Amino acid sequence: MAKRSMLWGACAATFLVGCSFSASCGTRHIDTEKAQTFISDALAKEIGVAPTGVSCPDSIPVKKGTTFRCTAGFAGGISATVTLTQSDDSGYVVITQADGVAGAKPIEAALIDGIKKQSGQAVTADCGAKVRAVHTGDTAECKVTTPSGEVVRTAVTFTDDHGGFDWKPVSAAPPPPADDAPKPAE
């Protein structure tokens, strides 16, 4: 069975409601340093990993409706493009989109929640790398462990550049042997 989760779609709604700030500080240009800090904090909260750096253009005039893009860098050369839009003429901005990156924590949480809703089982999930570059059609593998210890390889296919994905079980691996289980002969 497949379960769709719109990670960045959901994050965009969160950003629009709760992750906005006034970036003008009395000038008629966006305060770039303040915008960069805002993006770093928002990404750390939403994907579970803080970027190693954020770069935004200088001298963005304060004007309602103006959109600008910043780049957030992560370890391993991974980067995200973050789009911000000014919602008024005072420098109040909201993150409207983030492309190119997904964090393991939100993916794992979506898998755990989806499986719990489908089967009632409380599972754990391990998707490996804490942050990964994503583009439409990219795939990743997560390991889902059932309460009985069964490990199910689960394929995650990214449906967009914002971190949305579908998932499906690929195969089950036998549970790890108990400590008192007989060992194979060498």
Protein backbone atom coordinates (compact mmCIF):
# COMPACT_ATOMS: atom_id res chain seq x y z
CA MET A 1 0.00 0.00 0.00
CA ALA A 2 1.16 3.50 -0.67
CA LYS A 3 0.81 6.47 1.59
CA ARG A 4 1.34 9.99 0.31
CA SER A 5 2.76 12.67 2.52
CA MET A 6 3.25 16.23 1.35
CA LEU A 7 6.16 17.13 3.59
CA TRP A 8 6.94 20.54 2.20
CA GLY A 9 3.32 21.13 1.29
CA ALA A 10 2.55 20.71 4.99
CA CYS A 11 5.61 22.74 5.92
CA ALA A 12 4.60 25.56 3.60
CA ALA A 13 1.27 25.80 5.43
CA THR A 14 3.14 25.88 8.75
CA PHE A 15 5.49 28.54 7.46
CA LEU A 16 2.64 30.69 6.17
CA VAL A 17 0.83 30.55 9.48
CA GLY A 18 3.64 30.54 12.03
CA CYS A 19 6.99 31.19 10.41
CA SER A 20 7.09 34.76 9.26
CA PHE A 21 8.88 37.82 10.50
CA SER A 22 9.46 41.48 9.80
CA ALA A 23 12.78 41.85 8.04
CA SER A 24 13.07 45.55 7.32
CA CYS A 25 14.33 46.89 10.67
CA GLY A 26 13.36 50.45 9.72
CA THR A 27 15.21 50.47 6.40
CA ARG A 28 13.61 50.25 2.97
CA HIS A 29 15.49 47.02 2.23
CA ILE A 30 15.09 43.52 3.64
CA ASP A 31 17.57 42.81 6.42
CA THR A 32 19.51 39.98 4.73
CA GLU A 33 21.13 38.74 7.93
CA LYS A 34 17.75 38.52 9.66
CA ALA A 35 16.26 36.65 6.66
CA GLN A 36 19.15 34.16 6.68
CA THR A 37 18.73 33.45 10.41
CA PHE A 38 14.98 33.04 9.96
CA ILE A 39 15.48 30.50 7.15
CA SER A 40 18.10 28.56 9.12
CA ASP A 41 15.83 28.33 12.17
CA ALA A 42 12.77 27.37 10.11
CA LEU A 43 14.59 24.62 8.20
CA ALA A 44 16.11 23.23 11.39
CA LYS A 45 12.64 23.03 12.92
CA GLU A 46 10.86 21.57 9.89
CA ILE A 47 13.39 19.02 8.58
CA GLY A 48 15.37 18.38 11.74
CA VAL A 49 18.73 19.58 10.41
CA ALA A 50 20.11 23.11 10.45
CA PRO A 51 21.84 24.29 7.30
CA THR A 52 25.56 24.99 7.46
CA GLY A 53 24.92 28.35 5.83
CA VAL A 54 22.25 30.47 4.15
CA SER A 55 22.82 33.03 1.41
CA CYS A 56 20.27 35.67 0.37
CA PRO A 57 20.58 38.50 -2.12
CA ASP A 58 21.45 41.96 -0.79
CA SER A 59 19.41 45.13 -1.28
CA ILE A 60 15.95 43.60 -1.71
CA PRO A 61 13.54 46.54 -1.61
CA VAL A 62 10.65 46.35 0.84
CA LYS A 63 7.54 46.02 -1.31
CA LYS A 64 4.42 43.91 -0.83
CA GLY A 65 4.31 40.90 -3.17
CA THR A 66 8.04 40.89 -3.89
CA THR A 67 9.44 37.37 -4.00
CA PHE A 68 13.09 36.48 -3.52
CA ARG A 69 15.09 33.28 -3.25
CA CYS A 70 17.82 32.26 -0.87
CA THR A 71 20.08 29.21 -0.87
CA ALA A 72 20.55 27.03 2.20
CA GLY A 73 23.59 24.74 2.21
CA PHE A 74 23.89 21.46 4.10
CA ALA A 75 26.74 19.03 4.74
CA GLY A 76 27.76 16.92 1.77
CA GLY A 77 27.15 19.66 -0.79
CA ILE A 78 23.35 19.47 -0.49
CA SER A 79 21.50 22.72 -1.07
CA ALA A 80 17.93 23.96 -0.96
CA THR A 81 16.33 26.91 -2.70
CA VAL A 82 14.03 28.76 -0.31
CA THR A 83 11.44 31.19 -1.70
CA LEU A 84 10.19 34.04 0.46
CA THR A 85 7.38 36.48 -0.33
CA GLN A 86 6.77 39.87 1.27
CA SER A 87 3.22 40.02 2.60
CA ASP A 88 3.12 43.77 3.25
CA ASP A 89 5.02 47.02 2.63
CA SER A 90 6.75 46.82 6.02
CA GLY A 91 9.12 43.92 5.25
CA TYR A 92 6.99 41.14 6.73
CA VAL A 93 7.97 37.95 4.85
CA VAL A 94 6.83 34.32 4.75
CA ILE A 95 8.56 31.23 3.42
CA THR A 96 6.36 30.05 0.57
CA GLN A 97 8.47 27.17 -0.74
CA ALA A 98 11.64 25.17 -0.19
CA ASP A 99 13.01 22.98 -2.98
CA GLY A 100 15.71 20.36 -3.22
CA VAL A 101 16.02 18.96 0.30
CA ALA A 102 14.24 16.59 2.68
CA GLY A 103 15.08 15.54 6.21
CA ALA A 104 14.95 11.98 7.52
CA LYS A 105 13.00 12.92 10.66
CA PRO A 106 9.87 14.15 8.86
CA ILE A 107 9.98 11.18 6.46
CA GLU A 108 10.33 8.73 9.34
CA ALA A 109 7.52 10.45 11.25
CA ALA A 110 5.22 10.27 8.19
CA LEU A 111 5.98 6.55 7.72
CA ILE A 112 5.38 5.78 11.40
CA ASP A 113 2.11 7.75 11.39
CA GLY A 114 0.93 6.25 8.09
CA ILE A 115 1.60 2.67 9.15
CA LYS A 116 -0.03 3.29 12.54
CA LYS A 117 -3.17 4.59 10.78
CA GLN A 118 -3.23 1.69 8.30
CA SER A 119 -2.39 -1.23 10.56
CA GLY A 120 -2.54 -0.01 14.12
CA GLN A 121 1.09 -1.11 14.59
CA ALA A 122 3.55 1.07 16.45
CA VAL A 123 6.65 0.75 14.26
CA THR A 124 10.01 2.48 14.13
CA ALA A 125 11.62 3.82 10.97
CA ASP A 126 15.20 4.54 9.93
CA CYS A 127 15.75 6.44 6.69
CA GLY A 128 19.52 6.78 7.02
CA ALA A 129 21.00 10.15 6.07
CA LYS A 130 19.67 13.01 8.21
CA VAL A 131 19.25 15.22 5.15
CA ARG A 132 19.18 14.40 1.45
CA ALA A 133 18.90 16.22 -1.84
CA VAL A 134 15.58 15.47 -3.53
CA HIS A 135 14.18 15.89 -7.00
CA THR A 136 11.02 14.51 -8.54
CA GLY A 137 11.44 10.77 -9.13
CA ASP A 138 14.38 10.28 -6.74
CA THR A 139 14.13 7.25 -4.50
CA ALA A 140 15.41 6.33 -1.05
CA GLU A 141 15.12 3.29 1.16
CA CYS A 142 13.96 3.27 4.74
CA LYS A 143 13.87 0.36 7.15
CA VAL A 144 10.67 -0.04 9.10
CA THR A 145 10.80 -2.33 12.14
CA THR A 146 7.58 -3.90 13.42
CA PRO A 147 6.91 -4.63 17.11
CA SER A 148 7.83 -8.30 16.45
CA GLY A 149 11.26 -7.26 15.13
CA GLU A 150 10.48 -7.80 11.45
CA VAL A 151 12.44 -5.33 9.30
CA VAL A 152 10.59 -4.19 6.20
CA ARG A 153 12.56 -2.39 3.48
CA THR A 154 10.38 0.49 2.36
CA ALA A 155 10.84 2.39 -0.91
CA VAL A 156 10.29 6.13 -0.77
CA THR A 157 9.77 7.88 -4.12
CA PHE A 158 9.83 11.67 -4.13
CA THR A 159 6.87 13.08 -6.05
CA ASP A 160 8.13 16.64 -6.27
CA ASP A 161 11.15 18.82 -5.49
CA HIS A 162 9.59 19.95 -2.18
CA GLY A 163 10.00 16.63 -0.35
CA GLY A 164 6.54 15.15 -1.01
CA PHE A 165 6.69 11.39 -1.41
CA ASP A 166 4.91 8.07 -1.84
CA TRP A 167 6.06 4.91 -0.09
CA LYS A 168 5.56 1.20 -0.31
CA PRO A 169 7.05 -1.87 1.34
CA VAL A 170 9.62 -3.60 -0.86
CA SER A 171 10.54 -6.70 1.13
CA ALA A 172 10.77 -8.03 4.62
CA ALA A 173 14.01 -9.21 6.12
CA PRO A 174 14.03 -11.82 8.87
CA PRO A 175 14.30 -10.42 12.39
CA PRO A 176 17.78 -10.37 13.90
CA PRO A 177 18.65 -13.62 15.72
CA ALA A 178 18.09 -13.68 19.46
CA ASP A 179 21.21 -13.77 21.60
CA ASP A 180 20.48 -17.37 22.58
CA ALA A 181 19.78 -18.56 19.01
CA PRO A 182 22.15 -21.19 17.63
CA LYS A 183 24.93 -19.69 15.54
CA PRO A 184 25.67 -21.08 12.07
CA ALA A 185 28.70 -23.37 11.85
CA GLU A 186 31.81 -21.72 10.52
